[in-house]
Amino acid sequence: WGVEGHIDDNNFFGQGYRARLAAGFGRHAVQNYTFSVEDPYFLGSPISAGFDLQKTHLEDGSLDINDESAAVRMIVPITESISTSFKYDLRFLQYGAISEKEKIPSIYTTLIEHGKFSSHSISQSIIYNTLDNPIVPRKGMLISSSYDYAGFGGDSQYHRIGSRASYFYLLSDDSDIVGSLRFGYGCVIPSNKNLQLFDQFSVS
């Protein structure tokens, strides 16, 4: 189970910025907070730029996990349906023990003993978007391919590529029934032969 709420403002500070403040709570004492601001016409251009702040706390069995991140991003349109995005992400992650270490799976023991992890990563994506509505799409396609690199500071060192595709089709206009197909693929290659557990792909 989980509960999430958010506040959106499409004219933040009266400047036309888009802002979102969100909070979520769920199983395993999950607490998630995010704050995002985006300028859809950065410096009067069609380029959008913004930043994201996120903090997550999770208690899972014998583990206590704190995850904090900050990111700056930019989206540059190429054509009406194709764009490219750039992102820099700074992340801090810390594992702690709630119970005695003897009860903690050995895979997490090294993470707890290490203390706080940090990572710096940059990414670029190519996006193809023909959705009729970005929030509640009824028809169209969204395809994205991305490349991430981490290794210029911090504890993470990897190359990662990924692709996602979503297709929506309106099955019934009268009943508003929409069918959809989704596909995802990812591959991560450690650049120092040691991939951190938290840098691996997860299914979502």
N, C-alpha and C. Protein backbone atom coordinates (compact mmCIF):
# COMPACT_ATOMS: atom_id res chain seq x y z
N TRP A 1 0.83 -1.18 0.00
CA TRP A 1 0.00 0.00 0.00
C TRP A 1 0.87 1.24 0.00
N GLY A 2 0.27 2.36 -0.38
CA GLY A 2 1.02 3.61 -0.41
C GLY A 2 0.10 4.79 -0.62
N VAL A 3 0.51 5.94 -0.16
CA VAL A 3 -0.25 7.18 -0.31
C VAL A 3 0.69 8.25 -0.84
N GLU A 4 0.25 8.97 -1.85
CA GLU A 4 1.07 10.02 -2.43
C GLU A 4 0.22 11.24 -2.71
N GLY A 5 0.77 12.39 -2.45
CA GLY A 5 0.09 13.66 -2.74
C GLY A 5 1.07 14.63 -3.36
N HIS A 6 0.56 15.53 -4.18
CA HIS A 6 1.45 16.50 -4.81
C HIS A 6 0.72 17.81 -5.06
N ILE A 7 1.50 18.88 -5.15
CA ILE A 7 1.00 20.22 -5.47
C ILE A 7 1.74 20.69 -6.71
N ASP A 8 0.98 21.11 -7.73
CA ASP A 8 1.57 21.61 -8.97
C ASP A 8 1.26 23.09 -9.14
N ASP A 9 2.22 23.81 -9.69
CA ASP A 9 2.05 25.23 -9.99
C ASP A 9 2.67 25.49 -11.35
N ASN A 10 1.85 25.92 -12.31
CA ASN A 10 2.34 26.17 -13.66
C ASN A 10 2.77 27.62 -13.89
N ASN A 11 2.75 28.41 -12.82
CA ASN A 11 3.21 29.81 -12.92
C ASN A 11 3.99 30.16 -11.67
N PHE A 12 4.98 29.34 -11.37
CA PHE A 12 5.77 29.49 -10.15
C PHE A 12 6.50 30.83 -10.14
N PHE A 13 6.37 31.58 -9.04
CA PHE A 13 6.96 32.91 -8.90
C PHE A 13 6.46 33.89 -9.96
N GLY A 14 5.33 33.56 -10.61
CA GLY A 14 4.78 34.44 -11.63
C GLY A 14 5.62 34.53 -12.88
N GLN A 15 6.51 33.55 -13.10
CA GLN A 15 7.43 33.58 -14.23
C GLN A 15 7.13 32.51 -15.28
N GLY A 16 6.03 31.77 -15.10
CA GLY A 16 5.70 30.72 -16.04
C GLY A 16 6.45 29.42 -15.82
N TYR A 17 7.16 29.32 -14.69
CA TYR A 17 7.87 28.08 -14.38
C TYR A 17 6.89 27.02 -13.92
N ARG A 18 7.21 25.77 -14.20
CA ARG A 18 6.42 24.65 -13.70
C ARG A 18 7.09 24.09 -12.45
N ALA A 19 6.32 23.93 -11.40
CA ALA A 19 6.88 23.43 -10.14
C ALA A 19 5.99 22.33 -9.59
N ARG A 20 6.62 21.37 -8.93
CA ARG A 20 5.88 20.29 -8.27
C ARG A 20 6.54 19.94 -6.94
N LEU A 21 5.71 19.84 -5.93
CA LEU A 21 6.14 19.37 -4.61
C LEU A 21 5.32 18.13 -4.30
N ALA A 22 5.99 17.01 -4.04
CA ALA A 22 5.29 15.75 -3.83
C ALA A 22 5.85 15.03 -2.61
N ALA A 23 4.96 14.27 -1.97
CA ALA A 23 5.35 13.45 -0.82
C ALA A 23 4.61 12.14 -0.90
N GLY A 24 5.29 11.06 -0.55
CA GLY A 24 4.67 9.74 -0.59
C GLY A 24 5.08 8.91 0.61
N PHE A 25 4.15 8.07 1.05
CA PHE A 25 4.39 7.20 2.20
C PHE A 25 3.83 5.82 1.86
N GLY A 26 4.55 4.77 2.28
CA GLY A 26 4.09 3.43 1.94
C GLY A 26 4.65 2.36 2.86
N ARG A 27 4.61 1.14 2.38
CA ARG A 27 5.09 -0.01 3.15
C ARG A 27 6.56 0.14 3.52
N HIS A 28 6.97 -0.60 4.53
CA HIS A 28 8.36 -0.62 5.00
C HIS A 28 8.83 0.78 5.41
N ALA A 29 7.91 1.58 5.98
CA ALA A 29 8.25 2.92 6.47
C ALA A 29 8.84 3.79 5.37
N VAL A 30 8.36 3.63 4.14
CA VAL A 30 8.87 4.42 3.02
C VAL A 30 8.40 5.86 3.15
N GLN A 31 9.34 6.78 3.01
CA GLN A 31 9.03 8.20 2.94
C GLN A 31 9.77 8.76 1.73
N ASN A 32 9.03 9.43 0.85
CA ASN A 32 9.63 9.94 -0.38
C ASN A 32 9.18 11.39 -0.59
N TYR A 33 10.15 12.28 -0.80
CA TYR A 33 9.85 13.69 -1.01
C TYR A 33 10.58 14.15 -2.27
N THR A 34 9.88 14.90 -3.11
CA THR A 34 10.48 15.43 -4.33
C THR A 34 10.06 16.88 -4.53
N PHE A 35 10.96 17.65 -5.12
CA PHE A 35 10.67 19.04 -5.48
C PHE A 35 11.32 19.30 -6.83
N SER A 36 10.53 19.75 -7.79
CA SER A 36 11.03 19.97 -9.15
C SER A 36 10.59 21.33 -9.66
N VAL A 37 11.46 21.97 -10.41
CA VAL A 37 11.15 23.24 -11.06
C VAL A 37 11.66 23.16 -12.50
N GLU A 38 10.84 23.63 -13.43
CA GLU A 38 11.22 23.60 -14.84
C GLU A 38 10.83 24.91 -15.51
N ASP A 39 11.75 25.44 -16.30
CA ASP A 39 11.48 26.60 -17.15
C ASP A 39 11.26 26.07 -18.57
N PRO A 40 10.01 26.08 -19.06
CA PRO A 40 9.74 25.49 -20.39
C PRO A 40 10.31 26.29 -21.55
N TYR A 41 10.68 27.55 -21.30
CA TYR A 41 11.27 28.39 -22.36
C TYR A 41 12.51 29.07 -21.80
N PHE A 42 13.55 28.28 -21.60
CA PHE A 42 14.77 28.75 -20.96
C PHE A 42 15.41 29.87 -21.79
N LEU A 43 15.60 31.03 -21.16
CA LEU A 43 16.17 32.21 -21.81
C LEU A 43 15.41 32.59 -23.08
N GLY A 44 14.09 32.37 -23.06
CA GLY A 44 13.26 32.74 -24.19
C GLY A 44 13.35 31.81 -25.38
N SER A 45 14.00 30.67 -25.22
CA SER A 45 14.17 29.71 -26.32
C SER A 45 13.20 28.54 -26.13
N PRO A 46 13.06 27.66 -27.13
CA PRO A 46 12.20 26.48 -26.97
C PRO A 46 12.83 25.39 -26.12
N ILE A 47 14.02 25.64 -25.59
CA ILE A 47 14.70 24.67 -24.72
C ILE A 47 14.11 24.75 -23.31
N SER A 48 13.83 23.60 -22.73
CA SER A 48 13.36 23.57 -21.34
C SER A 48 14.50 23.12 -20.44
N ALA A 49 14.57 23.74 -19.25
CA ALA A 49 15.63 23.41 -18.29
C ALA A 49 15.04 23.41 -16.90
N GLY A 50 15.60 22.59 -16.03
CA GLY A 50 15.07 22.52 -14.68
C GLY A 50 15.96 21.74 -13.75
N PHE A 51 15.50 21.59 -12.52
CA PHE A 51 16.24 20.80 -11.53
C PHE A 51 15.26 19.98 -10.71
N ASP A 52 15.78 18.91 -10.11
CA ASP A 52 14.99 18.00 -9.28
C ASP A 52 15.75 17.72 -7.99
N LEU A 53 15.02 17.73 -6.88
CA LEU A 53 15.56 17.35 -5.58
C LEU A 53 14.72 16.20 -5.04
N GLN A 54 15.37 15.18 -4.51
CA GLN A 54 14.62 14.02 -4.01
C GLN A 54 15.28 13.45 -2.76
N LYS A 55 14.44 13.02 -1.83
CA LYS A 55 14.91 12.37 -0.61
C LYS A 55 14.00 11.19 -0.31
N THR A 56 14.59 10.01 -0.12
CA THR A 56 13.82 8.80 0.16
C THR A 56 14.41 8.10 1.39
N HIS A 57 13.51 7.67 2.26
CA HIS A 57 13.92 6.88 3.43
C HIS A 57 13.14 5.58 3.42
N LEU A 58 13.85 4.46 3.63
CA LEU A 58 13.23 3.14 3.55
C LEU A 58 13.76 2.26 4.67
N GLU A 59 12.85 1.60 5.36
CA GLU A 59 13.21 0.57 6.33
C GLU A 59 12.68 -0.76 5.81
N ASP A 60 13.60 -1.63 5.40
CA ASP A 60 13.23 -2.91 4.80
C ASP A 60 13.83 -4.04 5.63
N GLY A 61 13.03 -4.63 6.47
CA GLY A 61 13.53 -5.70 7.32
C GLY A 61 14.54 -5.18 8.32
N SER A 62 15.79 -5.59 8.17
CA SER A 62 16.85 -5.17 9.08
C SER A 62 17.66 -4.00 8.54
N LEU A 63 17.24 -3.43 7.40
CA LEU A 63 18.00 -2.37 6.76
C LEU A 63 17.32 -1.02 6.89
N ASP A 64 18.15 0.02 7.02
CA ASP A 64 17.70 1.40 7.01
C ASP A 64 18.44 2.09 5.86
N ILE A 65 17.71 2.61 4.89
CA ILE A 65 18.32 3.17 3.68
C ILE A 65 17.89 4.62 3.51
N ASN A 66 18.87 5.50 3.33
CA ASN A 66 18.61 6.91 3.03
C ASN A 66 19.20 7.23 1.66
N ASP A 67 18.38 7.80 0.80
CA ASP A 67 18.77 8.08 -0.58
C ASP A 67 18.43 9.53 -0.89
N GLU A 68 19.43 10.35 -1.20
CA GLU A 68 19.23 11.76 -1.53
C GLU A 68 19.88 12.05 -2.88
N SER A 69 19.20 12.86 -3.69
CA SER A 69 19.76 13.18 -5.01
C SER A 69 19.35 14.58 -5.44
N ALA A 70 20.18 15.15 -6.30
CA ALA A 70 19.90 16.44 -6.93
C ALA A 70 20.32 16.34 -8.38
N ALA A 71 19.52 16.88 -9.26
CA ALA A 71 19.80 16.77 -10.69
C ALA A 71 19.43 18.06 -11.41
N VAL A 72 20.19 18.38 -12.44
CA VAL A 72 19.84 19.47 -13.36
C VAL A 72 19.68 18.85 -14.74
N ARG A 73 18.73 19.34 -15.50
CA ARG A 73 18.40 18.71 -16.78
C ARG A 73 18.02 19.75 -17.82
N MET A 74 18.11 19.34 -19.07
CA MET A 74 17.78 20.22 -20.19
C MET A 74 17.23 19.36 -21.33
N ILE A 75 16.16 19.83 -21.96
CA ILE A 75 15.56 19.14 -23.10
C ILE A 75 15.60 20.07 -24.30
N VAL A 76 16.19 19.58 -25.39
CA VAL A 76 16.34 20.38 -26.60
C VAL A 76 15.52 19.75 -27.72
N PRO A 77 14.52 20.46 -28.26
CA PRO A 77 13.73 19.90 -29.36
C PRO A 77 14.52 19.88 -30.66
N ILE A 78 14.37 18.79 -31.41
CA ILE A 78 15.02 18.67 -32.72
C ILE A 78 13.99 18.85 -33.82
N THR A 79 12.89 18.11 -33.72
CA THR A 79 11.74 18.28 -34.60
C THR A 79 10.50 18.34 -33.70
N GLU A 80 9.33 18.32 -34.31
CA GLU A 80 8.09 18.38 -33.53
C GLU A 80 7.93 17.17 -32.63
N SER A 81 8.43 16.02 -33.05
CA SER A 81 8.24 14.79 -32.27
C SER A 81 9.54 14.20 -31.71
N ILE A 82 10.68 14.76 -32.06
CA ILE A 82 11.97 14.24 -31.61
C ILE A 82 12.70 15.29 -30.79
N SER A 83 13.26 14.87 -29.67
CA SER A 83 14.03 15.78 -28.82
C SER A 83 15.18 15.01 -28.19
N THR A 84 16.13 15.75 -27.64
CA THR A 84 17.24 15.14 -26.91
C THR A 84 17.36 15.81 -25.55
N SER A 85 17.76 15.04 -24.56
CA SER A 85 17.86 15.58 -23.21
C SER A 85 19.24 15.31 -22.63
N PHE A 86 19.65 16.20 -21.73
CA PHE A 86 20.93 16.08 -21.04
C PHE A 86 20.66 16.23 -19.54
N LYS A 87 21.41 15.46 -18.73
CA LYS A 87 21.15 15.47 -17.30
C LYS A 87 22.43 15.21 -16.52
N TYR A 88 22.60 15.95 -15.42
CA TYR A 88 23.67 15.68 -14.46
C TYR A 88 23.02 15.33 -13.14
N ASP A 89 23.49 14.25 -12.51
CA ASP A 89 22.86 13.76 -11.28
C ASP A 89 23.92 13.56 -10.20
N LEU A 90 23.63 14.10 -9.02
CA LEU A 90 24.48 13.90 -7.84
C LEU A 90 23.65 13.15 -6.82
N ARG A 91 24.20 12.04 -6.31
CA ARG A 91 23.43 11.16 -5.43
C ARG A 91 24.25 10.76 -4.21
N PHE A 92 23.57 10.74 -3.06
CA PHE A 92 24.16 10.26 -1.81
C PHE A 92 23.27 9.15 -1.26
N LEU A 93 23.90 8.04 -0.92
CA LEU A 93 23.16 6.86 -0.47
C LEU A 93 23.85 6.26 0.75
N GLN A 94 23.06 5.95 1.78
CA GLN A 94 23.63 5.39 3.00
C GLN A 94 22.78 4.23 3.50
N TYR A 95 23.46 3.12 3.79
CA TYR A 95 22.82 1.93 4.35
C TYR A 95 23.14 1.86 5.84
N GLY A 96 22.12 1.56 6.64
CA GLY A 96 22.31 1.38 8.07
C GLY A 96 21.64 0.10 8.53
N ALA A 97 21.97 -0.30 9.75
CA ALA A 97 21.42 -1.54 10.32
C ALA A 97 20.40 -1.20 11.39
N ILE A 98 19.21 -1.80 11.28
CA ILE A 98 18.18 -1.64 12.30
C ILE A 98 18.36 -2.69 13.39
N SER A 99 18.65 -3.91 12.97
CA SER A 99 18.86 -5.01 13.91
C SER A 99 20.33 -5.38 13.96
N GLU A 100 20.67 -6.45 14.66
CA GLU A 100 22.05 -6.90 14.76
C GLU A 100 22.57 -7.33 13.38
N LYS A 101 23.84 -7.07 13.14
CA LYS A 101 24.43 -7.36 11.83
C LYS A 101 24.39 -8.84 11.48
N GLU A 102 24.34 -9.70 12.51
CA GLU A 102 24.29 -11.14 12.23
C GLU A 102 23.02 -11.52 11.49
N LYS A 103 21.97 -10.71 11.61
CA LYS A 103 20.69 -11.02 10.97
C LYS A 103 20.56 -10.38 9.60
N ILE A 104 21.55 -9.62 9.20
CA ILE A 104 21.49 -8.90 7.93
C ILE A 104 22.11 -9.77 6.83
N PRO A 105 21.47 -9.87 5.66
CA PRO A 105 22.06 -10.63 4.55
C PRO A 105 23.47 -10.15 4.24
N SER A 106 24.36 -11.09 3.96
CA SER A 106 25.77 -10.76 3.76
C SER A 106 25.98 -9.79 2.60
N ILE A 107 25.07 -9.79 1.63
CA ILE A 107 25.22 -8.92 0.47
C ILE A 107 25.16 -7.44 0.87
N TYR A 108 24.50 -7.14 2.02
CA TYR A 108 24.38 -5.76 2.47
C TYR A 108 25.42 -5.37 3.52
N THR A 109 26.12 -6.34 4.08
CA THR A 109 27.06 -6.06 5.16
C THR A 109 28.15 -5.08 4.73
N THR A 110 28.72 -5.30 3.54
CA THR A 110 29.77 -4.43 3.04
C THR A 110 29.26 -3.01 2.82
N LEU A 111 28.02 -2.88 2.35
CA LEU A 111 27.44 -1.56 2.12
C LEU A 111 27.29 -0.81 3.44
N ILE A 112 26.86 -1.51 4.47
CA ILE A 112 26.67 -0.87 5.78
C ILE A 112 28.01 -0.43 6.36
N GLU A 113 29.01 -1.28 6.24
CA GLU A 113 30.33 -0.96 6.79
C GLU A 113 31.00 0.18 6.04
N HIS A 114 30.68 0.33 4.76
CA HIS A 114 31.28 1.40 3.96
C HIS A 114 30.81 2.77 4.44
N GLY A 115 29.55 2.86 4.86
CA GLY A 115 29.01 4.15 5.29
C GLY A 115 28.25 4.82 4.16
N LYS A 116 28.60 6.06 3.85
CA LYS A 116 27.87 6.84 2.86
C LYS A 116 28.52 6.74 1.49
N PHE A 117 27.71 6.45 0.48
CA PHE A 117 28.16 6.38 -0.90
C PHE A 117 27.77 7.67 -1.62
N SER A 118 28.55 8.02 -2.62
CA SER A 118 28.21 9.16 -3.48
C SER A 118 28.46 8.78 -4.93
N SER A 119 27.72 9.39 -5.82
CA SER A 119 27.92 9.13 -7.24
C SER A 119 27.61 10.38 -8.04
N HIS A 120 28.36 10.56 -9.12
CA HIS A 120 28.14 11.64 -10.08
C HIS A 120 27.92 10.99 -11.44
N SER A 121 26.86 11.35 -12.11
CA SER A 121 26.59 10.75 -13.42
C SER A 121 26.05 11.78 -14.38
N ILE A 122 26.32 11.56 -15.66
CA ILE A 122 25.76 12.37 -16.72
C ILE A 122 25.03 11.44 -17.68
N SER A 123 24.02 11.95 -18.33
CA SER A 123 23.25 11.11 -19.25
C SER A 123 22.73 11.93 -20.42
N GLN A 124 22.51 11.25 -21.53
CA GLN A 124 21.88 11.84 -22.70
C GLN A 124 20.83 10.88 -23.22
N SER A 125 19.71 11.42 -23.64
CA SER A 125 18.62 10.61 -24.16
C SER A 125 18.11 11.18 -25.47
N ILE A 126 17.65 10.30 -26.33
CA ILE A 126 16.93 10.67 -27.55
C ILE A 126 15.49 10.21 -27.37
N ILE A 127 14.55 11.11 -27.60
CA ILE A 127 13.14 10.83 -27.30
C ILE A 127 12.30 11.05 -28.55
N TYR A 128 11.47 10.07 -28.86
CA TYR A 128 10.47 10.18 -29.94
C TYR A 128 9.10 10.13 -29.29
N ASN A 129 8.31 11.19 -29.47
CA ASN A 129 7.05 11.33 -28.73
C ASN A 129 5.93 11.79 -29.66
N THR A 130 4.91 10.93 -29.82
CA THR A 130 3.72 11.31 -30.60
C THR A 130 2.45 11.16 -29.77
N LEU A 131 2.57 11.17 -28.44
CA LEU A 131 1.41 11.02 -27.56
C LEU A 131 0.47 12.20 -27.71
N ASP A 132 -0.83 11.92 -27.67
CA ASP A 132 -1.81 12.98 -27.77
C ASP A 132 -1.96 13.75 -26.47
N ASN A 133 -1.58 13.12 -25.35
CA ASN A 133 -1.66 13.77 -24.04
C ASN A 133 -0.53 13.23 -23.17
N PRO A 134 0.34 14.09 -22.63
CA PRO A 134 1.48 13.59 -21.85
C PRO A 134 1.10 12.99 -20.51
N ILE A 135 -0.07 13.34 -19.98
CA ILE A 135 -0.48 12.85 -18.66
C ILE A 135 -1.38 11.63 -18.77
N VAL A 136 -2.43 11.72 -19.61
CA VAL A 136 -3.34 10.59 -19.82
C VAL A 136 -3.40 10.30 -21.32
N PRO A 137 -2.40 9.62 -21.87
CA PRO A 137 -2.38 9.36 -23.31
C PRO A 137 -3.44 8.34 -23.72
N ARG A 138 -4.03 8.58 -24.89
CA ARG A 138 -5.00 7.64 -25.47
C ARG A 138 -4.53 7.07 -26.80
N LYS A 139 -3.61 7.73 -27.41
CA LYS A 139 -3.03 7.20 -28.64
C LYS A 139 -1.65 7.84 -28.85
N GLY A 140 -0.83 7.10 -29.58
CA GLY A 140 0.51 7.61 -29.86
C GLY A 140 1.59 6.69 -29.32
N MET A 141 2.81 7.13 -29.48
CA MET A 141 3.97 6.31 -29.12
C MET A 141 5.02 7.17 -28.42
N LEU A 142 5.69 6.57 -27.45
CA LEU A 142 6.79 7.23 -26.76
C LEU A 142 7.98 6.27 -26.71
N ILE A 143 9.08 6.66 -27.34
CA ILE A 143 10.29 5.83 -27.38
C ILE A 143 11.47 6.66 -26.89
N SER A 144 12.26 6.10 -26.01
CA SER A 144 13.44 6.81 -25.53
C SER A 144 14.62 5.85 -25.44
N SER A 145 15.78 6.34 -25.83
CA SER A 145 17.04 5.60 -25.70
C SER A 145 18.02 6.49 -24.96
N SER A 146 18.74 5.92 -23.99
CA SER A 146 19.59 6.74 -23.14
C SER A 146 20.96 6.09 -22.94
N TYR A 147 21.92 6.96 -22.65
CA TYR A 147 23.27 6.52 -22.27
C TYR A 147 23.68 7.27 -21.01
N ASP A 148 24.14 6.54 -19.99
CA ASP A 148 24.58 7.13 -18.73
C ASP A 148 26.04 6.77 -18.49
N TYR A 149 26.76 7.73 -17.93
CA TYR A 149 28.15 7.46 -17.54
C TYR A 149 28.38 7.98 -16.13
N ALA A 150 28.94 7.14 -15.27
CA ALA A 150 29.34 7.53 -13.93
C ALA A 150 30.78 7.10 -13.73
N GLY A 151 31.61 7.99 -13.17
CA GLY A 151 33.00 7.62 -12.98
C GLY A 151 33.93 8.79 -12.78
N PHE A 152 33.42 10.01 -12.74
CA PHE A 152 34.29 11.16 -12.51
C PHE A 152 34.07 11.69 -11.09
N GLY A 153 34.31 10.79 -10.12
CA GLY A 153 34.12 11.14 -8.72
C GLY A 153 33.07 10.25 -8.10
N GLY A 154 33.22 9.96 -6.83
CA GLY A 154 32.24 9.14 -6.15
C GLY A 154 32.57 7.66 -6.21
N ASP A 155 31.60 6.84 -5.81
CA ASP A 155 31.80 5.40 -5.68
C ASP A 155 31.25 4.60 -6.84
N SER A 156 30.57 5.24 -7.78
CA SER A 156 29.98 4.53 -8.91
C SER A 156 30.82 4.75 -10.16
N GLN A 157 31.06 3.65 -10.88
CA GLN A 157 31.80 3.72 -12.14
C GLN A 157 31.17 2.73 -13.12
N TYR A 158 30.48 3.25 -14.11
CA TYR A 158 29.80 2.36 -15.06
C TYR A 158 29.42 3.10 -16.33
N HIS A 159 29.12 2.32 -17.36
CA HIS A 159 28.46 2.77 -18.58
C HIS A 159 27.11 2.06 -18.62
N ARG A 160 26.06 2.79 -18.93
CA ARG A 160 24.74 2.17 -18.92
C ARG A 160 23.93 2.68 -20.11
N ILE A 161 23.31 1.74 -20.82
CA ILE A 161 22.42 2.11 -21.92
C ILE A 161 21.05 1.50 -21.64
N GLY A 162 20.03 2.15 -22.14
CA GLY A 162 18.69 1.65 -21.91
C GLY A 162 17.72 2.19 -22.95
N SER A 163 16.66 1.44 -23.18
CA SER A 163 15.61 1.86 -24.10
C SER A 163 14.26 1.50 -23.51
N ARG A 164 13.30 2.39 -23.74
CA ARG A 164 11.92 2.15 -23.31
C ARG A 164 10.98 2.55 -24.43
N ALA A 165 9.91 1.80 -24.58
CA ALA A 165 8.92 2.12 -25.60
C ALA A 165 7.52 1.87 -25.04
N SER A 166 6.62 2.79 -25.33
CA SER A 166 5.21 2.66 -24.93
C SER A 166 4.33 3.01 -26.12
N TYR A 167 3.32 2.19 -26.34
CA TYR A 167 2.38 2.42 -27.44
C TYR A 167 0.96 2.41 -26.89
N PHE A 168 0.18 3.42 -27.25
CA PHE A 168 -1.19 3.55 -26.76
C PHE A 168 -2.15 3.60 -27.96
N TYR A 169 -3.28 2.91 -27.80
CA TYR A 169 -4.29 2.87 -28.86
C TYR A 169 -5.68 2.92 -28.24
N LEU A 170 -6.51 3.83 -28.75
CA LEU A 170 -7.87 3.98 -28.24
C LEU A 170 -8.76 2.88 -28.81
N LEU A 171 -9.17 1.94 -27.96
CA LEU A 171 -9.98 0.81 -28.40
C LEU A 171 -11.45 1.17 -28.53
N SER A 172 -11.94 2.01 -27.65
CA SER A 172 -13.35 2.41 -27.69
C SER A 172 -13.46 3.87 -27.29
N ASP A 173 -13.92 4.68 -28.23
CA ASP A 173 -14.07 6.11 -27.96
C ASP A 173 -15.23 6.36 -27.01
N ASP A 174 -16.33 5.60 -27.18
CA ASP A 174 -17.51 5.80 -26.34
C ASP A 174 -17.24 5.41 -24.89
N SER A 175 -16.55 4.29 -24.68
CA SER A 175 -16.27 3.81 -23.32
C SER A 175 -14.91 4.28 -22.81
N ASP A 176 -14.17 4.98 -23.65
CA ASP A 176 -12.84 5.48 -23.28
C ASP A 176 -11.93 4.35 -22.80
N ILE A 177 -11.86 3.28 -23.59
CA ILE A 177 -11.00 2.14 -23.28
C ILE A 177 -9.72 2.26 -24.10
N VAL A 178 -8.59 2.22 -23.42
CA VAL A 178 -7.29 2.40 -24.05
C VAL A 178 -6.44 1.15 -23.84
N GLY A 179 -5.85 0.65 -24.93
CA GLY A 179 -4.90 -0.45 -24.83
C GLY A 179 -3.48 0.07 -24.92
N SER A 180 -2.56 -0.61 -24.28
CA SER A 180 -1.17 -0.14 -24.31
C SER A 180 -0.20 -1.32 -24.28
N LEU A 181 0.95 -1.10 -24.88
CA LEU A 181 2.05 -2.06 -24.87
C LEU A 181 3.30 -1.33 -24.38
N ARG A 182 4.09 -2.00 -23.55
CA ARG A 182 5.32 -1.40 -23.03
C ARG A 182 6.48 -2.37 -23.19
N PHE A 183 7.64 -1.80 -23.46
CA PHE A 183 8.85 -2.60 -23.62
C PHE A 183 10.03 -1.84 -23.03
N GLY A 184 10.93 -2.57 -22.40
CA GLY A 184 12.12 -1.93 -21.85
C GLY A 184 13.33 -2.83 -21.95
N TYR A 185 14.49 -2.23 -22.11
CA TYR A 185 15.74 -2.99 -22.20
C TYR A 185 16.85 -2.16 -21.57
N GLY A 186 17.76 -2.82 -20.89
CA GLY A 186 18.87 -2.10 -20.29
C GLY A 186 20.10 -2.96 -20.15
N CYS A 187 21.26 -2.32 -20.18
CA CYS A 187 22.53 -3.02 -20.01
C CYS A 187 23.49 -2.08 -19.29
N VAL A 188 24.13 -2.57 -18.24
CA VAL A 188 25.09 -1.76 -17.50
C VAL A 188 26.43 -2.48 -17.46
N ILE A 189 27.50 -1.75 -17.75
CA ILE A 189 28.85 -2.31 -17.80
C ILE A 189 29.73 -1.56 -16.82
N PRO A 190 30.23 -2.22 -15.78
CA PRO A 190 31.12 -1.53 -14.84
C PRO A 190 32.45 -1.20 -15.49
N SER A 191 32.97 -0.02 -15.22
CA SER A 191 34.25 0.37 -15.81
C SER A 191 35.43 0.02 -14.91
N ASN A 192 35.15 -0.47 -13.69
CA ASN A 192 36.25 -0.89 -12.81
C ASN A 192 36.06 -2.33 -12.33
N LYS A 193 35.26 -3.11 -13.06
CA LYS A 193 35.00 -4.53 -12.77
C LYS A 193 34.30 -4.75 -11.43
N ASN A 194 33.71 -3.71 -10.89
CA ASN A 194 33.01 -3.84 -9.61
C ASN A 194 31.78 -2.96 -9.63
N LEU A 195 30.64 -3.54 -9.97
CA LEU A 195 29.40 -2.79 -10.05
C LEU A 195 28.71 -2.77 -8.69
N GLN A 196 28.41 -1.57 -8.22
CA GLN A 196 27.73 -1.45 -6.93
C GLN A 196 26.32 -2.03 -7.03
N LEU A 197 25.85 -2.57 -5.92
CA LEU A 197 24.52 -3.19 -5.89
C LEU A 197 23.44 -2.20 -6.29
N PHE A 198 23.53 -0.97 -5.81
CA PHE A 198 22.49 0.03 -6.07
C PHE A 198 22.56 0.61 -7.48
N ASP A 199 23.60 0.28 -8.25
CA ASP A 199 23.71 0.76 -9.63
C ASP A 199 23.15 -0.24 -10.64
N GLN A 200 22.75 -1.41 -10.18
CA GLN A 200 22.21 -2.42 -11.08
C GLN A 200 20.79 -2.05 -11.50
N PHE A 201 20.38 -2.58 -12.64
CA PHE A 201 19.02 -2.34 -13.13
C PHE A 201 18.02 -3.05 -12.23
N SER A 202 16.86 -2.44 -12.07
CA SER A 202 15.76 -3.07 -11.34
C SER A 202 14.52 -3.02 -12.21
N VAL A 203 13.67 -4.00 -12.06
CA VAL A 203 12.44 -4.08 -12.83
C VAL A 203 11.38 -3.25 -12.15
N SER A 204 10.73 -2.35 -12.90
CA SER A 204 9.68 -1.50 -12.34
C SER A 204 8.54 -1.38 -13.31
